[in-house]
Protein backbone atom coordinates (compact mmCIF):
# COMPACT_ATOMS: atom_id res chain seq x y z
CA UNK A 1 0.00 0.00 0.00
CA UNK A 2 1.42 3.37 -1.01
CA UNK A 3 2.31 5.61 1.91
CA UNK A 4 2.43 9.35 1.45
CA UNK A 5 4.61 11.83 3.23
CA UNK A 6 2.99 13.86 6.00
CA UNK A 7 4.25 17.19 4.91
CA UNK A 8 1.27 19.30 3.81
CA UNK A 9 1.96 22.81 5.02
CA UNK A 10 -0.87 24.92 3.69
CA UNK A 11 -4.27 24.47 2.05
CA UNK A 12 -4.19 24.15 -1.71
CA UNK A 13 -4.87 27.53 -3.30
CA UNK A 14 -5.39 27.27 -7.02
CA UNK A 15 -7.44 30.28 -7.93
CA UNK A 16 -6.55 32.95 -10.43
CA UNK A 17 -4.56 30.68 -12.71
CA UNK A 18 -4.05 31.55 -16.37
CA UNK A 19 -3.17 29.08 -19.10
CA UNK A 20 -0.51 29.91 -21.64
CA UNK A 21 -1.02 28.49 -25.13
CA UNK A 22 1.40 25.82 -26.34
CA UNK A 23 3.93 26.90 -28.89
CA UNK A 24 3.91 25.35 -32.31
CA UNK A 25 6.99 23.41 -33.35
CA UNK A 26 9.85 25.74 -34.16
CA UNK A 27 8.15 28.80 -32.65
CA UNK A 28 9.09 30.71 -29.53
CA UNK A 29 6.46 30.36 -26.83
CA UNK A 30 4.84 33.54 -25.53
CA UNK A 31 6.21 34.83 -22.23
CA UNK A 32 4.09 34.33 -19.11
CA UNK A 33 2.20 37.34 -17.68
CA UNK A 34 4.13 39.17 -14.98
CA UNK A 35 3.40 38.92 -11.23
CA UNK A 36 0.77 36.21 -11.72
CA UNK A 37 0.94 32.48 -11.09
CA UNK A 38 0.50 31.06 -14.56
CA UNK A 39 0.07 27.52 -15.83
CA UNK A 40 2.22 26.80 -18.89
CA UNK A 41 1.36 23.93 -21.20
CA UNK A 42 3.20 22.41 -24.14
CA UNK A 43 6.57 23.22 -22.59
CA UNK A 44 8.40 20.17 -23.97
CA UNK A 45 8.99 16.45 -23.28
CA UNK A 46 6.94 15.50 -20.22
CA UNK A 47 6.70 11.70 -19.88
CA UNK A 48 4.93 11.72 -16.50
CA UNK A 49 2.36 14.43 -17.30
CA UNK A 50 3.57 17.04 -14.80
CA UNK A 51 1.96 20.46 -14.69
CA UNK A 52 4.12 23.57 -14.91
CA UNK A 53 3.29 26.72 -12.97
CA UNK A 54 5.37 29.84 -13.40
CA UNK A 55 5.88 33.09 -11.54
CA UNK A 56 7.61 35.98 -13.33
CA UNK A 57 7.96 39.16 -11.24
CA UNK A 58 6.94 42.56 -12.51
CA UNK A 59 10.58 43.69 -12.52
CA UNK A 60 12.63 40.77 -13.78
CA UNK A 61 16.38 41.23 -14.15
CA UNK A 62 18.09 40.86 -17.52
CA UNK A 63 19.15 37.22 -17.99
CA UNK A 64 17.28 36.26 -14.82
CA UNK A 65 18.10 33.39 -12.51
CA UNK A 66 15.56 30.57 -12.19
CA UNK A 67 14.48 28.83 -8.98
CA UNK A 68 12.60 25.51 -9.31
CA UNK A 69 10.47 25.10 -6.15
CA UNK A 70 9.33 21.48 -5.77
CA UNK A 71 6.34 20.57 -3.60
CA UNK A 72 5.86 17.90 -0.93
CA UNK A 73 3.63 14.81 -1.14
CA UNK A 74 -0.09 15.73 -1.12
CA UNK A 75 0.95 19.18 -2.33
CA UNK A 76 0.92 20.98 -5.66
CA UNK A 77 2.64 23.77 -7.53
CA UNK A 78 0.00 26.32 -6.46
CA UNK A 79 0.32 25.17 -2.83
CA UNK A 80 4.08 25.63 -2.97
CA UNK A 81 3.53 29.09 -4.45
CA UNK A 82 1.14 30.18 -1.71
CA UNK A 83 2.92 28.44 1.17
CA UNK A 84 6.47 29.70 0.62
CA UNK A 85 8.08 33.10 0.10
CA UNK A 86 9.86 32.43 -3.19
CA UNK A 87 7.43 34.57 -5.22
CA UNK A 88 7.81 37.56 -2.90
CA UNK A 89 11.58 37.11 -2.94
CA UNK A 90 11.40 36.98 -6.74
CA UNK A 91 9.59 40.33 -6.63
CA UNK A 92 12.46 41.70 -4.58
CA UNK A 93 15.41 40.21 -6.46
CA UNK A 94 14.11 39.73 -10.02
CA UNK A 95 14.46 35.97 -10.54
CA UNK A 96 11.83 33.60 -12.01
CA UNK A 97 10.19 30.73 -10.09
CA UNK A 98 9.02 27.43 -11.60
CA UNK A 99 6.57 25.31 -9.59
CA UNK A 100 6.31 21.73 -10.96
CA UNK A 101 3.12 19.94 -9.98
CA UNK A 102 2.47 16.17 -9.85
CA UNK A 103 -0.72 14.78 -11.40
CA UNK A 104 -0.42 11.13 -10.24
CA UNK A 105 -2.72 10.10 -7.39
CA UNK A 106 -0.07 10.15 -4.66
CA UNK A 107 0.95 13.74 -5.45
CA UNK A 108 4.52 12.53 -4.76
CA UNK A 109 7.45 12.98 -7.14
CA UNK A 110 9.12 9.92 -8.63
CA UNK A 111 12.50 9.64 -6.94
CA UNK A 112 12.52 5.83 -6.89
CA UNK A 113 12.30 4.41 -10.41
CA UNK A 114 15.35 3.51 -12.51
CA UNK A 115 14.10 5.99 -15.12
CA UNK A 116 14.15 8.88 -12.64
CA UNK A 117 17.65 8.12 -11.39
CA UNK A 118 19.54 8.59 -14.64
CA UNK A 119 19.97 11.54 -16.93
CA UNK A 120 17.19 11.76 -19.54
CA UNK A 121 15.91 8.38 -18.38
CA UNK A 122 12.30 9.48 -18.25
CA UNK A 123 9.69 10.29 -15.60
CA UNK A 124 9.57 13.52 -13.56
CA UNK A 125 13.15 14.80 -13.95
CA UNK A 126 12.76 14.97 -17.73
CA UNK A 127 9.60 17.05 -17.42
CA UNK A 128 11.22 19.44 -14.93
CA UNK A 129 14.25 19.82 -17.19
CA UNK A 130 11.83 20.71 -20.02
CA UNK A 131 10.31 23.42 -17.82
CA UNK A 132 13.75 24.92 -17.23
CA UNK A 133 14.53 24.79 -20.95
CA UNK A 134 11.23 26.56 -21.70
CA UNK A 135 12.10 29.40 -19.31
CA UNK A 136 15.58 29.74 -20.81
CA UNK A 137 14.12 29.92 -24.34
CA UNK A 138 11.21 32.18 -23.51
CA UNK A 139 12.66 34.55 -20.92
CA UNK A 140 16.36 34.49 -21.80
CA UNK A 141 17.26 33.07 -18.39
CA UNK A 142 20.87 32.71 -17.29
CA UNK A 143 21.86 29.06 -17.76
CA UNK A 144 24.59 29.50 -15.15
CA UNK A 145 22.05 30.42 -12.46
CA UNK A 146 19.45 27.64 -12.37
CA UNK A 147 18.58 26.38 -8.87
CA UNK A 148 16.30 23.80 -7.25
CA UNK A 149 14.73 23.62 -3.81
CA UNK A 150 12.07 21.40 -2.32
CA UNK A 151 10.34 20.10 0.79
CA UNK A 152 10.07 16.38 1.66
CA UNK A 153 9.24 14.66 -1.65
CA UNK A 154 10.44 17.89 -3.27
CA UNK A 155 13.67 17.69 -1.27
CA UNK A 156 14.23 14.17 -2.57
CA UNK A 157 13.59 15.45 -6.09
CA UNK A 158 16.09 18.26 -5.50
CA UNK A 159 18.74 15.61 -4.77
CA UNK A 160 17.70 13.74 -7.92
CA UNK A 161 17.77 16.82 -10.16
CA UNK A 162 21.27 17.78 -9.03
CA UNK A 163 22.45 14.22 -9.68
CA UNK A 164 20.78 13.80 -13.07
CA UNK A 165 21.57 17.29 -14.36
CA UNK A 166 24.78 18.61 -12.76
CA UNK A 167 25.37 20.71 -15.87
CA UNK A 168 21.99 22.42 -15.51
CA UNK A 169 21.67 23.25 -11.80
CA UNK A 170 24.15 25.49 -10.00
CA UNK A 171 22.93 24.63 -6.50
CA UNK A 172 20.08 23.06 -4.56
CA UNK A 173 18.43 23.29 -1.15
CA UNK A 174 16.66 20.24 0.30
CA UNK A 175 14.32 20.40 3.32
CA UNK A 176 13.79 17.01 5.02
CA UNK A 177 14.95 14.79 2.18
CA UNK A 178 17.11 11.73 1.58
CA UNK A 179 20.27 11.15 -0.50
CA UNK A 180 20.17 10.64 -4.25
CA UNK A 181 19.34 7.00 -4.93
CA UNK A 182 18.30 6.15 -1.37
CA UNK A 183 14.64 5.69 -2.36
CA UNK A 184 15.46 3.51 -5.38
CA UNK A 185 13.08 0.62 -6.06
CA UNK A 186 12.67 -1.80 -8.94
CA UNK A 187 9.14 -3.09 -8.26
CA UNK A 188 7.24 0.02 -9.29
CA UNK A 189 6.72 1.18 -5.71
CA UNK A 190 7.12 4.86 -4.93
CA UNK A 191 7.98 4.14 -1.29
CA UNK A 192 11.16 2.71 0.24
CA UNK A 193 10.63 1.99 3.94
CA UNK A 194 14.27 1.15 4.65
CA UNK A 195 15.37 4.55 3.38
CA UNK A 196 12.52 6.42 5.06
CA UNK A 197 13.41 4.81 8.37
CA UNK A 198 17.04 5.86 8.07
CA UNK A 199 18.46 2.33 7.84
CA UNK A 200 20.13 2.68 4.43
CA UNK A 201 23.74 3.43 5.38
CA UNK A 202 26.54 3.62 2.81
CA UNK A 203 30.08 4.91 2.64
CA UNK A 204 30.67 8.40 1.23
CA UNK A 205 32.24 6.82 -1.83
CA UNK A 206 29.20 4.58 -2.43
CA UNK A 207 26.81 7.52 -2.11
CA UNK A 208 28.99 9.65 -4.36
CA UNK A 209 29.18 6.91 -6.97
CA UNK A 210 25.37 6.85 -7.17
CA UNK A 211 25.36 10.54 -8.07
CA UNK A 212 28.21 10.19 -10.55
CA UNK A 213 26.52 7.16 -12.13
CA UNK A 214 23.45 9.20 -13.03
CA UNK A 215 25.45 11.12 -15.63
CA UNK A 216 28.73 9.22 -16.14
CA UNK A 217 29.96 11.56 -18.87
CA UNK A 218 29.94 14.66 -16.69
CA UNK A 219 33.40 16.03 -15.89
CA UNK A 220 32.61 19.62 -14.93
CA UNK A 221 31.79 21.31 -11.61
CA UNK A 222 29.06 19.88 -9.38
CA UNK A 223 26.12 21.83 -7.94
CA UNK A 224 26.46 23.14 -4.41
CA UNK A 225 24.00 21.65 -1.89
CA UNK A 226 22.24 23.03 1.19
CA UNK A 227 20.58 20.47 3.48
CA UNK A 228 17.98 20.93 6.25
CA UNK A 229 16.66 18.28 8.66
CA UNK A 230 14.88 18.07 12.01
CA UNK A 231 16.27 15.70 14.63
CA UNK A 232 12.76 14.39 15.43
CA UNK A 233 11.67 13.73 11.84
CA UNK A 234 9.42 10.63 12.01
CA UNK A 235 8.72 10.37 8.27
CA UNK A 236 12.18 10.61 6.68
CA UNK A 237 14.26 9.96 9.75
CA UNK A 238 17.26 11.97 10.86
CA UNK A 239 20.02 9.50 9.84
CA UNK A 240 19.22 10.48 6.23
CA UNK A 241 20.67 13.91 6.99
CA UNK A 242 24.09 12.47 7.79
CA UNK A 243 23.96 10.25 4.71
CA UNK A 244 23.20 13.29 2.52
CA UNK A 245 26.22 15.08 3.99
CA UNK A 246 28.41 12.05 3.26
CA UNK A 247 27.10 11.96 -0.31
CA UNK A 248 27.52 15.59 -1.29
CA UNK A 249 30.88 16.13 0.43
CA UNK A 250 32.15 13.10 -1.51
CA UNK A 251 30.69 14.42 -4.76
CA UNK A 252 32.53 17.70 -4.20
CA UNK A 253 35.74 16.04 -3.06
CA UNK A 254 35.78 17.94 0.24
CA UNK A 255 36.33 16.75 3.79
CA UNK A 256 33.46 15.51 5.95
CA UNK A 257 34.97 17.55 8.77
CA UNK A 258 33.20 20.93 8.81
CA UNK A 259 35.23 23.94 7.75
CA UNK A 260 32.89 26.05 9.93
CA UNK A 261 30.19 25.42 12.54
CA UNK A 262 27.81 27.98 14.01
CA UNK A 263 24.33 28.52 15.47
CA UNK A 264 22.45 30.99 13.26
CA UNK A 265 19.30 30.56 15.36
CA UNK A 266 18.47 28.93 18.69
CA UNK A 267 18.28 25.15 18.28
CA UNK A 268 20.00 25.21 14.88
CA UNK A 269 23.46 23.84 14.16
CA UNK A 270 24.89 24.86 10.81
CA UNK A 271 27.95 23.14 9.39
CA UNK A 272 29.77 24.12 6.21
CA UNK A 273 32.05 21.87 4.22
CA UNK A 274 34.78 22.80 1.75
CA UNK A 275 34.38 26.50 2.54
CA UNK A 276 33.29 28.87 5.30
CA UNK A 277 31.12 31.43 3.52
CA UNK A 278 27.46 31.68 2.54
CA UNK A 279 28.12 29.75 -0.69
CA UNK A 280 30.19 26.84 0.61
CA UNK A 281 30.09 23.68 -1.54
CA UNK A 282 27.93 21.93 1.10
CA UNK A 283 25.94 23.53 3.92
CA UNK A 284 23.89 21.53 6.43
CA UNK A 285 21.43 22.85 9.04
CA UNK A 286 20.27 20.53 11.84
CA UNK A 287 17.15 21.64 13.75
CA UNK A 288 17.05 20.27 17.30
CA UNK A 289 13.70 18.83 18.40
CA UNK A 290 11.97 19.63 15.09
CA UNK A 291 9.90 17.07 13.16
CA UNK A 292 9.22 16.49 9.50
CA UNK A 293 7.24 19.69 8.89
CA UNK A 294 10.31 21.82 9.45
CA UNK A 295 9.82 24.54 6.83
CA UNK A 296 8.86 27.89 8.38
CA UNK A 297 8.68 31.50 7.26
CA UNK A 298 12.09 33.05 6.76
CA UNK A 299 13.87 29.91 5.62
CA UNK A 300 13.41 30.77 1.95
CA UNK A 301 15.51 33.91 2.45
CA UNK A 302 18.34 31.68 3.72
CA UNK A 303 17.96 29.53 0.61
CA UNK A 304 18.21 32.58 -1.62
CA UNK A 305 21.31 33.69 0.30
CA UNK A 306 22.91 30.27 -0.30
CA UNK A 307 22.03 30.54 -3.99
CA UNK A 308 23.63 33.98 -4.13
CA UNK A 309 20.48 35.73 -5.36
CA UNK A 310 19.87 38.22 -2.53
CA UNK A 311 21.27 41.21 -4.40
CA UNK A 312 20.08 43.24 -7.36
CA UNK A 313 21.48 42.08 -10.66
CA UNK A 314 23.54 38.94 -11.24
CA UNK A 315 24.93 37.56 -7.98
CA UNK A 316 28.66 37.00 -7.73
CA UNK A 317 29.51 33.33 -8.15
CA UNK A 318 32.80 31.55 -7.43
CA UNK A 319 34.74 31.66 -10.68
CA UNK A 320 37.88 29.87 -11.85
CA UNK A 321 40.88 32.15 -11.44
CA UNK A 322 41.56 32.31 -7.69
CA UNK A 323 43.68 29.24 -8.28
CA UNK A 324 45.31 27.44 -11.19
CA UNK A 325 46.31 23.78 -11.45
CA UNK A 326 48.79 22.25 -13.89
CA UNK A 327 49.23 18.48 -14.19
CA UNK A 328 51.93 16.45 -15.92
CA UNK A 329 51.24 12.72 -16.31
CA UNK A 330 53.87 10.07 -16.97
CA UNK A 331 52.14 6.76 -17.82
CA UNK A 332 53.17 3.20 -18.58
CA UNK A 333 51.25 -0.05 -19.25
CA UNK A 334 49.28 -0.29 -16.01
CA UNK A 335 50.44 2.66 -13.97
CA UNK A 336 51.16 6.38 -13.93
CA UNK A 337 52.54 9.24 -11.90
CA UNK A 338 50.99 12.70 -11.92
CA UNK A 339 52.89 15.82 -10.86
CA UNK A 340 50.48 18.57 -9.76
CA UNK A 341 51.29 22.27 -9.32
CA UNK A 342 48.73 24.43 -7.52
CA UNK A 343 49.12 28.21 -7.87
CA UNK A 344 47.28 30.79 -5.77
CA UNK A 345 46.30 33.43 -8.34
CA UNK A 346 44.26 35.40 -5.80
CA UNK A 347 45.27 38.32 -3.60
CA UNK A 348 45.05 36.64 -0.19
CA UNK A 349 46.87 33.64 1.26
CA UNK A 350 45.19 30.23 1.16
CA UNK A 351 45.61 28.29 4.40
CA UNK A 352 44.68 24.75 5.35
CA UNK A 353 44.03 23.85 1.74
CA UNK A 354 42.17 20.89 0.27
CA UNK A 355 42.48 20.09 -3.43
CA UNK A 356 39.50 18.21 -4.84
CA UNK A 357 39.44 16.24 -8.09
CA UNK A 358 37.87 13.12 -9.59
CA UNK A 359 40.08 10.35 -10.92
CA UNK A 360 39.06 9.03 -14.34
CA UNK A 361 37.30 5.66 -14.33
CA UNK A 362 39.63 2.73 -13.79
CA UNK A 363 42.30 4.67 -11.90
CA UNK A 364 43.21 3.84 -8.29
CA UNK A 365 45.75 5.69 -6.16
CA UNK A 366 48.70 3.63 -4.93
CA UNK A 367 50.72 6.41 -3.32
CA UNK A 368 51.31 10.14 -3.20
CA UNK A 369 53.48 13.00 -1.93
CA UNK A 370 52.97 16.58 -0.80
CA UNK A 371 49.49 15.83 0.59
CA UNK A 372 47.28 13.19 2.18
CA UNK A 373 44.90 11.60 -0.33
CA UNK A 374 41.46 10.10 0.45
CA UNK A 375 39.80 7.98 -0.85
CA UNK A 376 41.87 6.01 -3.38
CA UNK A 377 39.41 6.30 -6.29
CA UNK A 378 36.53 8.42 -7.52
CA UNK A 379 36.26 11.88 -5.93
CA UNK A 380 39.59 12.43 -4.16
CA UNK A 381 40.56 15.08 -1.61
CA UNK A 382 44.25 15.96 -1.27
CA UNK A 383 44.83 17.64 2.12
CA UNK A 384 47.93 19.75 2.69
CA UNK A 385 50.99 18.39 4.48
CA UNK A 386 52.29 20.08 7.63
CA UNK A 387 55.05 21.89 5.74
CA UNK A 388 52.99 23.35 2.86
CA UNK A 389 49.70 24.32 4.45
CA UNK A 390 49.78 27.97 3.36
CA UNK A 391 49.95 29.19 -0.24
CA UNK A 392 50.82 32.90 -0.45
CA UNK A 393 49.36 35.07 -3.25
CA UNK A 394 51.21 34.25 -6.46
CA UNK A 395 52.94 31.24 -4.89
CA UNK A 396 52.64 27.56 -5.80
CA UNK A 397 52.85 24.19 -4.10
CA UNK A 398 53.87 20.93 -5.74
CA UNK A 399 52.35 17.56 -4.99
CA UNK A 400 51.65 14.38 -6.87
CA UNK A 401 50.42 10.82 -6.82
CA UNK A 402 50.93 7.36 -8.26
CA UNK A 403 47.99 5.40 -9.65
CA UNK A 404 47.19 2.11 -11.31
CA UNK A 405 45.00 2.28 -14.41
CA UNK A 406 43.18 -0.07 -16.73
CA UNK A 407 43.98 1.77 -19.94
CA UNK A 408 42.80 5.30 -19.20
CA UNK A 409 45.81 7.30 -18.03
CA UNK A 410 44.26 10.76 -18.40
CA UNK A 411 44.63 13.51 -15.83
CA UNK A 412 41.59 14.69 -13.84
CA UNK A 413 39.46 17.10 -15.84
CA UNK A 414 38.75 19.64 -13.09
CA UNK A 415 40.05 20.74 -9.68
CA UNK A 416 38.71 22.71 -6.73
CA UNK A 417 40.76 24.44 -4.01
CA UNK A 418 38.81 24.70 -0.76
CA UNK A 419 35.63 24.34 -2.79
CA UNK A 420 36.42 26.98 -5.42
CA UNK A 421 36.87 25.86 -9.03
CA UNK A 422 40.42 26.31 -10.35
CA UNK A 423 41.54 27.18 -13.83
CA UNK A 424 43.62 24.46 -15.48
CA UNK A 425 46.50 24.54 -17.89
C-alpha cells in the first residue's frame, strides 16, 4: 500500500490561474504574464504528465536566474507558491520561479524508479528539465544560475535533479529529504521503507558513486548543496541527513569535517564543508527537536542567500581564477605518476588547503606525496601536508600521486581548491 509523506503545510490555493497556449513546433512560446501564477502547457517532453506553474515578477532582471520550487507529497505547484516566500523574494530580487506539480494520485514525485535516477531516463526529472529549458528559451534566463529547492518529496527530487543534471543546476536546497538513490526501487513502488526509516547506510564513496553514475559523462563542476533536517523527523528519519552530507561532500571532493560550525538561530546547528562562507560547496542545518514539517517562514531567504540571489542584478559566483592547477602525467602499461602544481592566483593567502578532483574511471591511487589523499578512487581530496599548508598570493605548491590504471591514463578534468573551481592549464 502506497504511503504518502505527512508534509502538507498549507491548504491548496489554485485560484486565479491563467493558461498559456502551447507553442507550435519551431516557434518561440509567448512569455508568461508578470506577477501572476500562470500555468504553462506544451513546454516540452513530459513523460509523467507534470503540470508547470510559473511566476515571473513585474521587474525581472536581464538574464534572470531561475528557482525551481518542488512541492511535498499531497501538495501541488499552487500550494508551494502560496505556502512559501519564493514569489515575494522573486519580486524583490528579479528571478523567475518554476513550480512543478504532480498529477499522479499520490501527489509525490518519482524519486525511486530507474528511469528517474539517470539523466534523460524518463519520468519527472525529464519534465522538470523541459520546464527549465522553456524558461531559458522564452525569458532568456541565465543558464549558469538555475537552482532547485524542495520540501520532503520535493527535497528528494532536489537531490535527484542535481544528480541527473549537474550541468543544468548550479545549487540546490533540500528540506527534510534523503540522499540521491536512497529511495530507489525496482518493483514500481514509490515508497522505500528502509530509506525512510534511516536504515540505508553507505560509505561516502558509495553515495557519491550513485550521483556520478546518473550522468557518467559529466566532468565539470558539481552543484552546491544546502541540506535541512529536524532531529525528530518521524517520516524521513534523521540519519538520512548524515547520509546526505556524506554523499555531497564526496561528490565535491571535500572533507566531511566541517570547515565552519555555528548557530544561526536557537536550536539550529549549521555546518559548512569545503568553505566557510554563505556559498560553501555543502551547507547543512540541523534543527534540534523539530519534526518532518520543518519549513517555516524566513527559511526561503536563507535559501536565496545560499544561492547567491539576494542582491540586485547577477549575484557573484565563485569563478575559476583564484587558483590554477597544472598536471603532468607520466604513464606506462598499467600505472602512472601525476605531478600537480597548484598556484594561488588570488590576492590573499590560502591556508589549510584541500584540493578536490575526480580520478578518471579505472584509476586507483597507490601512493602520493605533498598531501594526504582520500579515498583512493573516484572523488579524491588531497589535504595539505604540515610543511605546505599555506599558499601565499602568487605562490605555488607541488604535490603528486601514483595510480594504477586499466587503460585510461588521463589527468583529472577539473580541480577545486577549498571548494572553489580552479583554472587548469
